[in-house]
């Protein structure tokens, strides 16, 4: 959520930031509502002062036997009470309207973010690894002979419908091994704090990280009001919801492996084959809570944490900085990691790492106590995939495939697979 004081001080800059997001100016509407709210608060305070004076005078009038003045002051007091109550109600209504308006507007991009209308404006920062030169025509993950026995979309469709999968045998074990490898690396080498969180959350938690109110159709809600998390960003970030944390506890660097649930609203017809876009999937998510002074350095660090996973797996990738028109709702700046998928002959997103500034913290009322005391300040938050497990499975399968339909597996996974090094063309780990 945006700082109303910053909008008051520089409405032109606010509108310019929204323009980079493809939105029209909103500062005039916001400031008019803010001014109406503030004027009602001032009028209520003025009325309260007048009521207080009348309350003092009414006792004096009664003491001296001035019944006319006594009755007049009683009428004034009653009138002021009603006036103040009406002003308070109107100010509260304006306050809710202002908050609702600000909650619907996206974060403003940092000056370092390239301008652009959509993904065509994204800028490649660097590449790692060289795609294998294959002497055969590679296929997508679901068409690899050794994968087919362990990746069942027909049974999943019978159980749940489209965009689900049942993994069995060697493929299921490989999927589990990837998640375990990611967690171990982040905890042991990157010093993230392993965390296990619920996948059902209250509505205010979804509000805190920006999934609501604007993007409710993208997630699933239960009949009793809980929401299924689209990512562990929701739970990990909201650990500090409505808290004032000690400065010495920052930065807090969390990592969690969870099931994630997305309705994929608006994605009809996109990536309908295979595991690339599912309603239910697993992700290893990273979240950092830090001070404003360190958030940019934490963004670089978190991006590197995700890149290391791909490098250890030997998967070629490229890192992009997203342009103003392609960033997510809550982001100030986003780095996307795209992994090479030979079956599609292209790079596809496997991680998105974003710094959000104090945008989410304002929604959550999450603060920290600065050194030496003083007024609490809002924390900064960051989130990123480290990585999406299903998409990493796709990348491992496609990049390791052989002409015979087997899959050579990354060396770092061998210890997690009982020393097995290959998925055979028959779907068995050998």
Protein backbone atom coordinates (compact mmCIF):
# COMPACT_ATOMS: atom_id res chain seq x y z
CA UNK A 1 0.00 0.00 0.00
CA UNK A 2 1.16 3.52 -0.68
CA UNK A 3 2.20 6.20 1.79
CA UNK A 4 -0.42 8.95 1.66
CA UNK A 5 2.14 11.47 2.91
CA UNK A 6 4.39 10.76 -0.05
CA UNK A 7 1.46 11.31 -2.41
CA UNK A 8 0.64 14.63 -0.72
CA UNK A 9 4.25 15.77 -0.98
CA UNK A 10 4.80 14.78 -4.61
CA UNK A 11 1.62 13.85 -6.48
CA UNK A 12 3.33 14.31 -9.85
CA UNK A 13 5.92 11.65 -9.04
CA UNK A 14 3.17 9.28 -7.91
CA UNK A 15 1.23 9.70 -11.14
CA UNK A 16 4.43 9.31 -13.15
CA UNK A 17 5.08 5.99 -11.40
CA UNK A 18 1.56 4.79 -12.16
CA UNK A 19 2.00 5.83 -15.79
CA UNK A 20 5.00 3.49 -16.01
CA UNK A 21 2.63 0.76 -14.87
CA UNK A 22 0.22 1.62 -17.66
CA UNK A 23 -2.26 3.42 -15.39
CA UNK A 24 -3.70 6.90 -15.59
CA UNK A 25 -3.22 9.61 -12.92
CA UNK A 26 -4.95 8.95 -9.60
CA UNK A 27 -3.38 11.50 -7.25
CA UNK A 28 -6.17 14.08 -7.67
CA UNK A 29 -8.83 11.53 -6.71
CA UNK A 30 -6.76 10.26 -3.79
CA UNK A 31 -5.93 13.72 -2.46
CA UNK A 32 -9.55 14.91 -2.76
CA UNK A 33 -10.69 11.95 -0.67
CA UNK A 34 -7.84 12.51 1.76
CA UNK A 35 -8.71 16.21 2.11
CA UNK A 36 -12.39 15.42 2.70
CA UNK A 37 -11.43 12.92 5.39
CA UNK A 38 -9.03 15.32 7.09
CA UNK A 39 -11.50 18.23 7.01
CA UNK A 40 -14.14 16.08 8.71
CA UNK A 41 -11.64 15.02 11.36
CA UNK A 42 -10.74 18.68 11.95
CA UNK A 43 -14.40 19.68 12.12
CA UNK A 44 -15.06 16.89 14.62
CA UNK A 45 -12.13 18.04 16.76
CA UNK A 46 -13.37 21.64 16.61
CA UNK A 47 -16.87 20.51 17.56
CA UNK A 48 -15.46 18.48 20.45
CA UNK A 49 -13.65 21.56 21.76
CA UNK A 50 -16.88 23.56 21.55
CA UNK A 51 -18.76 20.79 23.33
CA UNK A 52 -16.16 20.71 26.08
CA UNK A 53 -16.48 24.47 26.61
CA UNK A 54 -20.26 24.24 26.70
CA UNK A 55 -20.04 21.39 29.21
CA UNK A 56 -17.99 23.58 31.53
CA UNK A 57 -20.32 26.54 31.10
CA UNK A 58 -23.50 24.55 31.69
CA UNK A 59 -22.48 23.76 35.26
CA UNK A 60 -21.73 27.40 35.95
CA UNK A 61 -25.11 28.47 34.51
CA UNK A 62 -26.94 26.02 36.73
CA UNK A 63 -24.96 27.14 39.80
CA UNK A 64 -25.97 30.75 39.32
CA UNK A 65 -29.59 29.84 38.58
CA UNK A 66 -29.56 30.97 34.95
CA UNK A 67 -32.12 28.50 33.64
CA UNK A 68 -32.35 30.08 30.18
CA UNK A 69 -28.58 29.82 29.62
CA UNK A 70 -28.58 26.34 31.16
CA UNK A 71 -31.17 25.06 28.69
CA UNK A 72 -29.45 26.77 25.77
CA UNK A 73 -26.12 25.15 26.62
CA UNK A 74 -27.78 21.74 27.03
CA UNK A 75 -29.19 22.10 23.54
CA UNK A 76 -25.75 23.11 22.22
CA UNK A 77 -24.14 20.07 23.86
CA UNK A 78 -26.75 17.67 22.44
CA UNK A 79 -26.39 19.23 19.00
CA UNK A 80 -22.58 19.01 19.09
CA UNK A 81 -22.70 15.38 20.18
CA UNK A 82 -24.86 14.51 17.17
CA UNK A 83 -22.69 16.63 14.85
CA UNK A 84 -19.45 15.05 16.10
CA UNK A 85 -20.87 11.53 15.77
CA UNK A 86 -21.94 12.23 12.19
CA UNK A 87 -18.54 13.71 11.33
CA UNK A 88 -16.72 10.75 12.90
CA UNK A 89 -18.82 8.29 10.92
CA UNK A 90 -18.26 10.23 7.70
CA UNK A 91 -14.49 10.44 8.33
CA UNK A 92 -14.34 6.70 9.01
CA UNK A 93 -16.22 6.07 5.77
CA UNK A 94 -13.77 8.26 3.86
CA UNK A 95 -10.87 6.49 5.56
CA UNK A 96 -12.16 3.09 4.41
CA UNK A 97 -12.72 4.42 0.88
CA UNK A 98 -9.20 5.86 0.80
CA UNK A 99 -7.66 2.63 2.05
CA UNK A 100 -9.66 0.59 -0.45
CA UNK A 101 -8.48 2.82 -3.28
CA UNK A 102 -4.83 2.64 -2.24
CA UNK A 103 -5.05 -1.14 -1.80
CA UNK A 104 -5.99 -1.53 -5.48
CA UNK A 105 -3.01 0.39 -6.86
CA UNK A 106 0.27 -1.42 -7.68
CA UNK A 107 3.67 -0.64 -6.25
CA UNK A 108 5.75 1.97 -8.06
CA UNK A 109 8.86 0.82 -9.94
CA UNK A 110 12.33 1.83 -8.85
CA UNK A 111 14.25 4.20 -11.11
CA UNK A 112 16.53 1.31 -12.14
CA UNK A 113 13.65 -0.63 -13.73
CA UNK A 114 13.60 -0.46 -17.56
CA UNK A 115 10.50 1.03 -19.13
CA UNK A 116 8.36 -1.16 -21.32
CA UNK A 117 4.73 -2.12 -21.97
CA UNK A 118 5.03 -5.91 -21.52
CA UNK A 119 7.52 -8.81 -21.61
CA UNK A 120 9.01 -7.42 -24.81
CA UNK A 121 10.59 -4.68 -22.70
CA UNK A 122 12.41 -7.02 -20.32
CA UNK A 123 16.19 -6.75 -20.30
CA UNK A 124 18.56 -9.70 -20.09
CA UNK A 125 21.19 -9.22 -17.38
CA UNK A 126 23.28 -12.35 -17.86
CA UNK A 127 23.34 -15.98 -18.99
CA UNK A 128 24.86 -19.09 -17.50
CA UNK A 129 25.55 -22.40 -19.20
CA UNK A 130 25.36 -23.52 -22.79
CA UNK A 131 22.42 -25.59 -24.04
CA UNK A 132 23.54 -29.06 -25.08
CA UNK A 133 24.08 -29.66 -28.76
CA UNK A 134 21.82 -32.66 -29.33
CA UNK A 135 22.19 -35.08 -32.23
CA UNK A 136 18.50 -35.88 -32.04
CA UNK A 137 15.25 -33.96 -31.93
CA UNK A 138 14.47 -33.34 -28.24
CA UNK A 139 10.92 -33.78 -26.99
CA UNK A 140 8.97 -32.15 -24.18
CA UNK A 141 9.10 -33.74 -20.74
CA UNK A 142 5.82 -35.63 -21.01
CA UNK A 143 6.89 -37.30 -24.27
CA UNK A 144 10.19 -38.72 -22.94
CA UNK A 145 9.88 -42.52 -22.92
CA UNK A 146 11.31 -42.94 -19.42
CA UNK A 147 9.00 -40.27 -18.00
CA UNK A 148 5.69 -41.55 -19.36
CA UNK A 149 5.27 -44.41 -16.83
CA UNK A 150 5.55 -41.98 -13.92
CA UNK A 151 3.61 -38.94 -15.17
CA UNK A 152 -0.11 -39.63 -15.45
CA UNK A 153 -2.37 -36.83 -16.64
CA UNK A 154 -5.35 -39.05 -17.50
CA UNK A 155 -5.77 -40.36 -13.96
CA UNK A 156 -5.29 -36.83 -12.60
CA UNK A 157 -8.02 -35.57 -14.93
CA UNK A 158 -10.32 -38.34 -13.66
CA UNK A 159 -9.56 -37.37 -10.07
CA UNK A 160 -9.53 -33.60 -10.34
CA UNK A 161 -9.91 -32.30 -13.89
CA UNK A 162 -7.52 -30.47 -16.18
CA UNK A 163 -4.16 -29.03 -15.10
CA UNK A 164 -3.36 -31.71 -12.52
CA UNK A 165 -0.89 -34.61 -12.60
CA UNK A 166 -0.26 -37.86 -10.72
CA UNK A 167 3.44 -38.64 -10.29
CA UNK A 168 4.50 -42.18 -9.41
CA UNK A 169 7.61 -44.27 -9.01
CA UNK A 170 10.92 -42.84 -10.14
CA UNK A 171 9.47 -39.55 -11.35
CA UNK A 172 7.78 -38.94 -7.99
CA UNK A 173 11.02 -39.74 -6.20
CA UNK A 174 12.96 -37.37 -8.46
CA UNK A 175 10.41 -34.63 -7.78
CA UNK A 176 10.82 -35.16 -4.02
CA UNK A 177 14.61 -35.23 -4.33
CA UNK A 178 14.63 -31.85 -6.07
CA UNK A 179 12.67 -30.20 -3.25
CA UNK A 180 14.95 -31.76 -0.64
CA UNK A 181 18.07 -30.67 -2.52
CA UNK A 182 16.79 -27.09 -2.77
CA UNK A 183 15.97 -26.91 0.93
CA UNK A 184 19.30 -28.38 1.98
CA UNK A 185 21.22 -25.95 -0.22
CA UNK A 186 19.35 -22.90 1.00
CA UNK A 187 19.64 -23.88 4.64
CA UNK A 188 23.23 -25.13 4.67
CA UNK A 189 24.88 -22.83 2.14
CA UNK A 190 22.64 -19.76 1.97
CA UNK A 191 21.77 -19.65 5.68
CA UNK A 192 18.02 -19.35 5.18
CA UNK A 193 15.78 -20.38 8.06
CA UNK A 194 13.80 -23.50 7.17
CA UNK A 195 10.14 -22.97 7.99
CA UNK A 196 6.99 -25.05 7.68
CA UNK A 197 3.75 -23.12 7.34
CA UNK A 198 0.03 -23.77 6.76
CA UNK A 199 -1.42 -23.67 3.26
CA UNK A 200 -4.75 -22.33 4.52
CA UNK A 201 -4.74 -18.68 5.59
CA UNK A 202 -7.12 -15.98 6.75
CA UNK A 203 -8.25 -13.35 4.27
CA UNK A 204 -6.24 -10.59 5.94
CA UNK A 205 -3.05 -12.54 5.24
CA UNK A 206 -3.84 -12.52 1.51
CA UNK A 207 -4.56 -8.80 1.82
CA UNK A 208 -1.20 -8.27 3.51
CA UNK A 209 0.88 -9.55 0.61
CA UNK A 210 -1.35 -8.10 -2.13
CA UNK A 211 -3.18 -11.15 -3.48
CA UNK A 212 -6.40 -9.48 -2.33
CA UNK A 213 -8.55 -7.61 -3.00
CA UNK A 214 -7.61 -7.26 -6.67
CA UNK A 215 -6.59 -10.80 -7.57
CA UNK A 216 -9.09 -12.97 -5.73
CA UNK A 217 -10.02 -14.85 -8.89
CA UNK A 218 -6.46 -16.15 -9.15
CA UNK A 219 -6.73 -18.13 -5.90
CA UNK A 220 -9.06 -20.61 -4.23
CA UNK A 221 -11.24 -19.86 -1.21
CA UNK A 222 -12.85 -22.48 1.02
CA UNK A 223 -16.50 -22.32 2.04
CA UNK A 224 -15.54 -21.24 5.56
CA UNK A 225 -13.44 -18.29 4.40
CA UNK A 226 -9.91 -19.65 4.36
CA UNK A 227 -7.75 -19.15 1.29
CA UNK A 228 -5.36 -21.71 -0.20
CA UNK A 229 -1.97 -20.07 -0.59
CA UNK A 230 -0.76 -19.41 -4.15
CA UNK A 231 2.77 -19.39 -2.71
CA UNK A 232 4.45 -19.53 0.70
CA UNK A 233 5.22 -15.84 0.22
CA UNK A 234 1.84 -15.28 1.89
CA UNK A 235 2.62 -17.17 5.07
CA UNK A 236 6.32 -16.36 5.38
CA UNK A 237 5.87 -12.62 4.85
CA UNK A 238 2.90 -12.42 7.21
CA UNK A 239 4.94 -13.87 10.06
CA UNK A 240 5.61 -10.20 10.93
CA UNK A 241 2.03 -9.07 10.27
CA UNK A 242 1.03 -6.36 12.80
CA UNK A 243 4.32 -6.74 14.67
CA UNK A 244 7.15 -4.39 15.60
CA UNK A 245 10.30 -6.48 15.48
CA UNK A 246 13.68 -5.76 17.03
CA UNK A 247 16.32 -4.33 14.71
CA UNK A 248 18.83 -6.96 15.76
CA UNK A 249 16.47 -9.70 14.48
CA UNK A 250 16.84 -8.39 10.92
CA UNK A 251 17.37 -9.55 8.28
CA UNK A 252 15.08 -12.52 8.64
CA UNK A 253 15.66 -14.93 5.77
CA UNK A 254 13.07 -17.69 5.47
CA UNK A 255 12.65 -20.67 3.17
CA UNK A 256 9.70 -23.05 2.97
CA UNK A 257 8.61 -25.94 0.79
CA UNK A 258 4.85 -25.99 0.33
CA UNK A 259 2.01 -27.02 -1.89
CA UNK A 260 0.71 -24.03 -3.86
CA UNK A 261 -2.69 -23.51 -5.46
CA UNK A 262 -3.63 -21.21 -8.33
CA UNK A 263 -6.76 -21.03 -10.41
CA UNK A 264 -4.77 -19.90 -13.46
CA UNK A 265 -7.55 -17.45 -14.26
CA UNK A 266 -6.94 -15.83 -17.62
CA UNK A 267 -4.55 -18.55 -18.81
CA UNK A 268 -7.05 -20.52 -20.88
CA UNK A 269 -5.29 -22.18 -23.79
CA UNK A 270 -1.78 -21.47 -22.45
CA UNK A 271 0.59 -24.34 -21.63
CA UNK A 272 -2.21 -26.88 -21.46
CA UNK A 273 0.13 -29.83 -22.06
CA UNK A 274 2.39 -31.22 -19.38
CA UNK A 275 3.31 -29.88 -15.96
CA UNK A 276 4.26 -26.31 -16.82
CA UNK A 277 1.06 -24.64 -15.63
CA UNK A 278 -0.85 -26.51 -12.93
CA UNK A 279 -3.57 -25.71 -10.41
CA UNK A 280 -1.61 -27.51 -7.67
CA UNK A 281 2.16 -27.56 -7.54
CA UNK A 282 5.10 -27.40 -5.16
CA UNK A 283 7.52 -24.57 -4.64
CA UNK A 284 10.49 -23.80 -2.45
CA UNK A 285 9.91 -20.15 -1.55
CA UNK A 286 12.35 -17.62 -0.13
CA UNK A 287 11.26 -14.53 1.84
CA UNK A 288 13.39 -11.85 3.42
CA UNK A 289 12.31 -9.24 5.98
CA UNK A 290 14.91 -6.48 6.34
CA UNK A 291 15.59 -2.77 6.86
CA UNK A 292 15.14 -0.22 4.05
CA UNK A 293 18.90 0.32 3.84
CA UNK A 294 19.63 -3.33 3.06
CA UNK A 295 16.76 -4.35 0.77
CA UNK A 296 18.59 -3.74 -2.51
CA UNK A 297 21.56 -5.82 -1.40
CA UNK A 298 19.15 -8.53 -0.20
CA UNK A 299 17.55 -8.54 -3.65
CA UNK A 300 20.91 -9.27 -5.24
CA UNK A 301 21.62 -11.93 -2.63
CA UNK A 302 18.27 -13.65 -3.05
CA UNK A 303 18.59 -13.68 -6.84
CA UNK A 304 21.96 -15.35 -6.45
CA UNK A 305 20.47 -17.99 -4.12
CA UNK A 306 18.07 -19.01 -6.87
CA UNK A 307 20.76 -18.96 -9.57
CA UNK A 308 23.00 -21.27 -7.53
CA UNK A 309 20.33 -23.98 -7.53
CA UNK A 310 20.20 -23.95 -11.33
CA UNK A 311 23.98 -23.97 -11.62
CA UNK A 312 24.36 -26.92 -9.25
CA UNK A 313 21.83 -28.80 -11.38
CA UNK A 314 23.74 -27.87 -14.53
CA UNK A 315 20.72 -26.18 -16.10
CA UNK A 316 21.39 -23.33 -18.55
CA UNK A 317 19.49 -20.19 -17.64
CA UNK A 318 19.28 -16.48 -18.17
CA UNK A 319 18.47 -13.73 -15.67
CA UNK A 320 16.21 -10.85 -16.72
CA UNK A 321 15.14 -7.64 -15.09
CA UNK A 322 11.45 -7.16 -15.78
CA UNK A 323 10.29 -3.90 -17.31
CA UNK A 324 7.71 -1.60 -15.75
CA UNK A 325 4.84 -3.16 -17.70
CA UNK A 326 5.63 -6.78 -16.78
CA UNK A 327 6.27 -6.61 -13.02
CA UNK A 328 3.93 -8.12 -10.48
CA UNK A 329 1.50 -6.02 -8.46
CA UNK A 330 3.61 -5.68 -5.30
CA UNK A 331 7.09 -5.41 -6.80
CA UNK A 332 9.44 -2.44 -7.03
CA UNK A 333 11.90 -4.44 -9.12
CA UNK A 334 11.85 -8.07 -10.26
CA UNK A 335 14.49 -10.45 -11.57
CA UNK A 336 13.16 -13.43 -13.52
CA UNK A 337 15.24 -16.56 -13.99
CA UNK A 338 14.40 -18.45 -17.17
CA UNK A 339 15.68 -22.00 -17.64
CA UNK A 340 16.44 -23.57 -21.02
CA UNK A 341 13.88 -26.17 -22.10
CA UNK A 342 15.14 -28.04 -25.19
CA UNK A 343 11.74 -29.64 -25.75
CA UNK A 344 10.32 -26.18 -26.36
CA UNK A 345 13.55 -24.77 -27.76
CA UNK A 346 13.25 -21.72 -25.55
CA UNK A 347 13.83 -20.30 -22.07
CA UNK A 348 10.90 -20.41 -19.64
CA UNK A 349 10.43 -18.74 -16.26
CA UNK A 350 11.42 -20.85 -13.27
CA UNK A 351 11.88 -18.18 -10.61
CA UNK A 352 10.75 -14.62 -10.00
CA UNK A 353 12.62 -12.66 -7.31
CA UNK A 354 11.13 -9.34 -6.23
CA UNK A 355 11.90 -6.53 -3.83
CA UNK A 356 8.71 -4.87 -2.58
CA UNK A 357 10.07 -2.04 -0.41
CA UNK A 358 7.57 -1.12 2.32
CA UNK A 359 4.55 -1.79 0.06
CA UNK A 360 3.55 -5.04 1.78
CA UNK A 361 4.70 -3.85 5.21
CA UNK A 362 2.20 -0.97 5.11
CA UNK A 363 -0.59 -3.40 4.29
CA UNK A 364 0.52 -5.66 7.15
CA UNK A 365 1.53 -2.88 9.57
CA UNK A 366 4.92 -4.57 9.99
CA UNK A 367 7.60 -2.38 11.56
CA UNK A 368 10.95 -2.47 13.30
CA UNK A 369 12.50 -0.45 16.11
CA UNK A 370 15.37 1.67 14.74
CA UNK A 371 18.73 1.85 16.46
CA UNK A 372 18.81 4.37 19.29
CA UNK A 373 15.05 4.41 19.66
CA UNK A 374 12.70 6.71 17.82
CA UNK A 375 9.51 6.08 15.92
CA UNK A 376 9.14 2.53 14.51
CA UNK A 377 9.70 2.27 10.75
CA UNK A 378 8.20 -0.08 8.18
CA UNK A 379 10.30 -3.10 7.25
CA UNK A 380 11.09 -3.98 3.63
CA UNK A 381 10.05 -7.35 2.20
CA UNK A 382 11.35 -9.54 -0.61
CA UNK A 383 10.20 -12.84 -2.05
CA UNK A 384 11.39 -15.29 -4.68
CA UNK A 385 11.17 -18.88 -5.86
CA UNK A 386 14.10 -21.04 -5.00
CA UNK A 387 12.75 -22.82 -7.12
CA UNK A 388 9.41 -23.97 -8.52
CA UNK A 389 9.82 -27.74 -8.04
CA UNK A 390 7.65 -28.92 -10.92
CA UNK A 391 9.27 -26.62 -13.43
CA UNK A 392 12.69 -27.68 -12.21
CA UNK A 393 11.65 -31.29 -12.73
CA UNK A 394 10.67 -30.41 -16.30
CA UNK A 395 14.05 -28.76 -16.89
CA UNK A 396 16.02 -31.70 -15.45
CA UNK A 397 14.09 -34.18 -17.58
CA UNK A 398 14.33 -32.25 -20.82
CA UNK A 399 17.96 -31.22 -20.47
CA UNK A 400 19.06 -34.72 -19.44
CA UNK A 401 17.13 -36.66 -22.07
CA UNK A 402 18.86 -39.08 -24.44
CA UNK A 403 17.96 -40.26 -27.91
CA UNK A 404 16.81 -43.57 -26.41
CA UNK A 405 14.33 -41.90 -24.06
CA UNK A 406 16.36 -42.14 -20.88
CA UNK A 407 17.34 -39.17 -18.68
CA UNK A 408 20.82 -38.54 -17.30
CA UNK A 409 20.38 -37.00 -13.85
CA UNK A 410 22.40 -34.15 -12.30
CA UNK A 411 25.24 -35.32 -10.06
CA UNK A 412 24.04 -33.28 -7.07
CA UNK A 413 20.86 -35.38 -6.99
CA UNK A 414 22.59 -38.75 -6.90
CA UNK A 415 22.85 -38.85 -3.06
CA UNK A 416 19.10 -38.14 -2.82
CA UNK A 417 18.34 -41.03 -5.18
CA UNK A 418 20.29 -43.76 -3.43
CA UNK A 419 23.24 -43.31 -5.77
CA UNK A 420 21.15 -43.76 -8.91
CA UNK A 421 22.38 -41.70 -11.86
CA UNK A 422 19.83 -42.22 -14.61
CA UNK A 423 16.14 -42.60 -15.31
CA UNK A 424 16.00 -45.46 -17.79
CA UNK A 425 13.86 -45.50 -20.91
CA UNK A 426 11.65 -47.96 -19.02
CA UNK A 427 11.04 -45.42 -16.22
CA UNK A 428 13.30 -46.99 -13.61
CA UNK A 429 16.12 -45.34 -11.64
CA UNK A 430 19.41 -47.08 -12.37
